[in-house]
Structure formats: structure tokens, C-alpha cells
């Protein structure tokens, strides 16, 4: 019985780690249309700014 207990500890920890990683890697919930449009505007403004050290 003692050997079984020593094997269950790492197997249980491995299963818990797999479940944790699966839950953390799920895609995030979709954002609201307002948040999405605001993110798009911020990205467009950032793309319009010149790069640092760009002499063109």
C-alpha cells in the first residue's frame, strides 16, 4: 500500500498541472464591440507614429 501512495502523489500532481494548464490556455472571452473598436483606434494611432530614430 505504501508504494501505491508514493506513486499516486506524482500522478495526482501531474494531472492537476495538466488541468491547470488547460484552463489557463483557453482563449479569452470575446470583448464588447466598444472595447474592440477602442483597441483598433489605439493600434491605428500607434501605427501612424514614426519609429524612434527614423530619419525619413
N, C-alpha and C. Protein backbone atom coordinates (compact mmCIF):
# COMPACT_ATOMS: atom_id res chain seq x y z
N UNK A 1 0.83 -1.20 0.00
CA UNK A 1 0.00 0.00 0.00
C UNK A 1 0.87 1.26 0.00
N UNK A 2 2.01 1.20 0.64
CA UNK A 2 2.88 2.36 0.73
C UNK A 2 3.41 2.77 -0.65
N UNK A 3 3.74 1.76 -1.48
CA UNK A 3 4.24 2.07 -2.82
C UNK A 3 3.16 2.75 -3.65
N UNK A 4 1.93 2.31 -3.51
CA UNK A 4 0.82 2.90 -4.25
C UNK A 4 0.66 4.37 -3.87
N UNK A 5 0.76 4.69 -2.59
CA UNK A 5 0.64 6.08 -2.14
C UNK A 5 1.75 6.93 -2.73
N UNK A 6 2.98 6.42 -2.81
CA UNK A 6 4.09 7.18 -3.36
C UNK A 6 3.93 7.40 -4.85
N UNK A 7 3.26 6.51 -5.56
CA UNK A 7 3.00 6.69 -6.98
C UNK A 7 1.83 7.62 -7.22
N UNK A 8 0.85 7.64 -6.32
CA UNK A 8 -0.33 8.49 -6.52
C UNK A 8 0.00 9.97 -6.37
N UNK A 9 0.98 10.30 -5.55
CA UNK A 9 1.33 11.71 -5.34
C UNK A 9 1.84 12.35 -6.63
N UNK A 10 2.84 11.82 -7.32
CA UNK A 10 3.28 12.47 -8.56
C UNK A 10 2.26 12.38 -9.69
N UNK A 11 1.51 11.28 -9.73
CA UNK A 11 0.48 11.16 -10.78
C UNK A 11 -0.61 12.19 -10.54
N UNK A 12 -1.03 12.36 -9.30
CA UNK A 12 -2.04 13.37 -8.98
C UNK A 12 -1.54 14.78 -9.28
N UNK A 13 -0.29 15.06 -8.96
CA UNK A 13 0.27 16.38 -9.23
C UNK A 13 0.35 16.63 -10.73
N UNK A 14 0.68 15.61 -11.49
CA UNK A 14 0.75 15.75 -12.94
C UNK A 14 -0.63 16.03 -13.52
N UNK A 15 -1.63 15.30 -13.06
CA UNK A 15 -3.00 15.52 -13.55
C UNK A 15 -3.46 16.93 -13.21
N UNK A 16 -3.20 17.37 -11.99
CA UNK A 16 -3.59 18.73 -11.59
C UNK A 16 -2.87 19.78 -12.44
N UNK A 17 -1.59 19.56 -12.74
CA UNK A 17 -0.84 20.51 -13.56
C UNK A 17 -1.41 20.56 -14.98
N UNK A 18 -1.78 19.41 -15.52
CA UNK A 18 -2.36 19.38 -16.87
C UNK A 18 -3.68 20.13 -16.90
N UNK A 19 -4.52 19.91 -15.90
CA UNK A 19 -5.81 20.61 -15.83
C UNK A 19 -5.59 22.11 -15.70
N UNK A 20 -4.63 22.52 -14.87
CA UNK A 20 -4.34 23.94 -14.68
C UNK A 20 -3.89 24.58 -15.99
N UNK A 21 -3.01 23.92 -16.72
CA UNK A 21 -2.50 24.46 -17.98
C UNK A 21 -3.63 24.53 -19.01
N UNK A 22 -4.49 23.53 -19.04
CA UNK A 22 -5.60 23.55 -19.98
C UNK A 22 -6.55 24.72 -19.69
N UNK A 23 -6.81 24.98 -18.42
CA UNK A 23 -7.69 26.08 -18.07
C UNK A 23 -7.06 27.44 -18.36
N UNK A 24 -5.76 27.57 -18.13
CA UNK A 24 -5.07 28.84 -18.35
C UNK A 24 -4.90 29.15 -19.84
N UNK A 25 -4.86 28.13 -20.69
CA UNK A 25 -4.59 28.37 -22.10
C UNK A 25 -5.86 28.52 -22.92
N UNK A 26 -7.01 28.53 -22.28
CA UNK A 26 -8.25 28.74 -23.02
C UNK A 26 -8.27 30.14 -23.61
N UNK A 27 -8.88 30.30 -24.77
CA UNK A 27 -8.97 31.65 -25.33
C UNK A 27 -9.85 32.54 -24.45
N UNK A 28 -9.51 33.80 -24.41
CA UNK A 28 -10.28 34.72 -23.58
C UNK A 28 -11.66 34.96 -24.19
N UNK A 29 -12.55 35.43 -23.36
CA UNK A 29 -13.90 35.70 -23.83
C UNK A 29 -13.88 36.88 -24.80
N UNK A 30 -14.80 36.88 -25.75
CA UNK A 30 -14.83 38.00 -26.70
C UNK A 30 -15.11 39.32 -25.99
N UNK A 31 -14.49 40.36 -26.48
CA UNK A 31 -14.70 41.68 -25.89
C UNK A 31 -15.96 42.30 -26.47
N UNK A 32 -16.38 43.36 -25.83
CA UNK A 32 -17.55 44.06 -26.34
C UNK A 32 -17.15 44.84 -27.60
N UNK A 33 -18.10 45.15 -28.46
CA UNK A 33 -17.76 45.91 -29.68
C UNK A 33 -17.09 47.25 -29.38
N UNK A 34 -17.51 47.90 -28.30
CA UNK A 34 -16.93 49.19 -27.94
C UNK A 34 -15.45 49.04 -27.58
N UNK A 35 -15.13 48.04 -26.76
CA UNK A 35 -13.74 47.81 -26.38
C UNK A 35 -12.90 47.44 -27.60
N UNK A 36 -13.48 46.64 -28.48
CA UNK A 36 -12.76 46.22 -29.67
C UNK A 36 -12.43 47.41 -30.57
N UNK A 37 -13.39 48.30 -30.77
CA UNK A 37 -13.16 49.47 -31.62
C UNK A 37 -12.14 50.42 -30.99
N UNK A 38 -12.18 50.55 -29.67
CA UNK A 38 -11.21 51.41 -28.99
C UNK A 38 -9.80 50.83 -29.14
N UNK A 39 -9.67 49.53 -29.05
CA UNK A 39 -8.36 48.90 -29.25
C UNK A 39 -7.87 49.11 -30.67
N UNK A 40 -8.78 49.03 -31.63
CA UNK A 40 -8.41 49.26 -33.03
C UNK A 40 -7.95 50.70 -33.24
N UNK A 41 -8.64 51.67 -32.63
CA UNK A 41 -8.22 53.08 -32.76
C UNK A 41 -6.84 53.31 -32.16
N UNK A 42 -6.59 52.71 -30.99
CA UNK A 42 -5.28 52.87 -30.36
C UNK A 42 -4.19 52.26 -31.22
N UNK A 43 -4.46 51.11 -31.84
CA UNK A 43 -3.47 50.48 -32.70
C UNK A 43 -3.21 51.34 -33.93
N UNK A 44 -4.26 51.92 -34.52
CA UNK A 44 -4.08 52.77 -35.70
C UNK A 44 -3.27 54.01 -35.35
N UNK A 45 -3.52 54.63 -34.20
CA UNK A 45 -2.72 55.79 -33.79
C UNK A 45 -1.27 55.40 -33.59
N UNK A 46 -1.03 54.23 -33.01
CA UNK A 46 0.34 53.79 -32.80
C UNK A 46 1.04 53.52 -34.13
N UNK A 47 0.32 53.01 -35.09
CA UNK A 47 0.91 52.73 -36.40
C UNK A 47 1.23 54.01 -37.16
N UNK A 48 0.51 55.10 -36.89
CA UNK A 48 0.76 56.37 -37.57
C UNK A 48 1.99 57.08 -37.03
N UNK A 49 2.35 56.82 -35.78
CA UNK A 49 3.51 57.49 -35.19
C UNK A 49 4.79 57.01 -35.85
N UNK A 50 5.76 57.91 -36.05
CA UNK A 50 7.03 57.49 -36.65
C UNK A 50 7.84 56.65 -35.65
N UNK A 51 8.68 55.79 -36.19
CA UNK A 51 9.53 54.98 -35.34
C UNK A 51 10.63 55.85 -34.74
N UNK A 52 11.07 55.54 -33.52
CA UNK A 52 12.18 56.30 -32.94
C UNK A 52 13.45 56.12 -33.78
N UNK A 53 14.11 57.20 -34.07
CA UNK A 53 15.35 57.14 -34.86
C UNK A 53 15.11 57.04 -36.34
N UNK A 54 13.85 57.14 -36.77
CA UNK A 54 13.53 57.09 -38.22
C UNK A 54 13.74 58.48 -38.79
N UNK A 55 14.73 58.65 -39.67
CA UNK A 55 15.08 59.96 -40.21
C UNK A 55 14.42 60.23 -41.56
N UNK A 56 13.51 59.40 -42.01
CA UNK A 56 12.93 59.60 -43.33
C UNK A 56 11.86 60.64 -43.33
